Amino acid sequence: MTTLGLSADALLSTTRAVRRRLDFERPVDDDLIRECLEFAVQAPTGSNQQGWRFLVVTDPDKKAALADLYRRGWDVY
């Protein structure tokens, strides 16, 4: 799957200037999310610990609730 004519790995390795043109309101296909996560788990980790965890949230209400939690957590900074 491609976005803006880029493969998932090319998209993930481009500059922010290119990513700014993306439509963040457009739904992302589940296959593209899986493909991005497959690339993400190939990234190196400190001491090869691979302590990452991923949670894909698609429900708008849950995304808003998570955004609020994170926003409040960062308010102290």
Protein backbone atom coordinates (compact mmCIF):
# COMPACT_ATOMS: atom_id res chain seq x y z
CA MET A 1 0.00 0.00 0.00
CA THR A 2 1.28 3.49 -0.76
CA THR A 3 0.52 6.98 0.50
CA LEU A 4 1.54 10.05 -1.50
CA GLY A 5 3.21 7.62 -3.86
CA LEU A 6 5.49 6.35 -1.07
CA SER A 7 5.78 2.84 0.33
CA ALA A 8 5.32 2.46 4.08
CA ASP A 9 9.07 2.23 4.71
CA ALA A 10 9.77 5.30 2.56
CA LEU A 11 7.02 7.22 4.32
CA LEU A 12 8.38 6.34 7.76
CA SER A 13 11.88 7.45 6.81
CA THR A 14 11.05 10.80 5.20
CA THR A 15 11.39 14.26 6.69
CA ARG A 16 8.65 15.99 8.63
CA ALA A 17 8.23 18.43 5.75
CA VAL A 18 6.89 15.59 3.64
CA ARG A 19 4.78 14.13 6.45
CA ARG A 20 3.11 17.51 7.04
CA ARG A 21 1.19 17.04 3.81
CA LEU A 22 -0.56 13.95 5.11
CA ASP A 23 -4.26 14.10 5.90
CA PHE A 24 -4.42 13.09 9.57
CA GLU A 25 -8.23 13.05 9.47
CA ARG A 26 -8.34 10.31 6.82
CA PRO A 27 -8.74 6.78 8.17
CA VAL A 28 -5.68 4.54 7.85
CA ASP A 29 -6.18 1.07 6.43
CA ASP A 30 -5.54 -1.76 8.92
CA ASP A 31 -3.06 -3.40 6.52
CA LEU A 32 -0.98 -0.22 6.40
CA ILE A 33 -0.97 -0.02 10.21
CA ARG A 34 0.24 -3.63 10.40
CA GLU A 35 2.92 -2.93 7.80
CA CYS A 36 4.14 0.14 9.73
CA LEU A 37 4.31 -1.89 12.94
CA GLU A 38 6.31 -4.58 11.15
CA PHE A 39 8.86 -1.92 10.19
CA ALA A 40 8.79 -0.43 13.70
CA VAL A 41 9.74 -3.68 15.42
CA GLN A 42 12.82 -3.94 13.21
CA ALA A 43 14.28 -0.75 14.70
CA PRO A 44 17.22 -1.27 17.04
CA THR A 45 16.63 -1.09 20.79
CA GLY A 46 19.06 -0.53 23.64
CA SER A 47 20.74 -3.81 24.56
CA ASN A 48 18.28 -5.46 22.16
CA GLN A 49 15.70 -5.41 24.96
CA GLN A 50 12.77 -4.81 22.61
CA GLY A 51 10.65 -3.41 25.43
CA TRP A 52 8.23 -1.66 23.10
CA ARG A 53 4.49 -2.18 23.17
CA PHE A 54 1.94 -1.04 20.62
CA LEU A 55 -1.74 -0.35 21.01
CA VAL A 56 -3.73 0.57 17.92
CA VAL A 57 -6.75 2.69 18.83
CA THR A 58 -9.30 3.41 16.11
CA ASP A 59 -12.35 4.44 18.14
CA PRO A 60 -12.59 8.27 18.07
CA ASP A 61 -13.92 8.51 21.65
CA LYS A 62 -11.11 6.35 23.01
CA LYS A 63 -8.54 8.35 21.03
CA ALA A 64 -9.92 11.57 22.50
CA ALA A 65 -9.82 10.13 26.03
CA LEU A 66 -6.21 8.98 25.55
CA ALA A 67 -5.24 12.35 24.12
CA ASP A 68 -6.73 14.05 27.18
CA LEU A 69 -4.82 11.75 29.54
CA TYR A 70 -1.53 12.40 27.78
CA ARG A 71 -2.20 16.14 27.57
CA ARG A 72 -2.83 16.31 31.32
CA GLY A 73 0.28 14.27 31.97
CA TRP A 74 2.41 16.74 30.02
CA ASP A 75 0.79 19.84 31.54
CA VAL A 76 3.30 19.76 34.40
CA TYR A 77 6.09 20.40 31.90
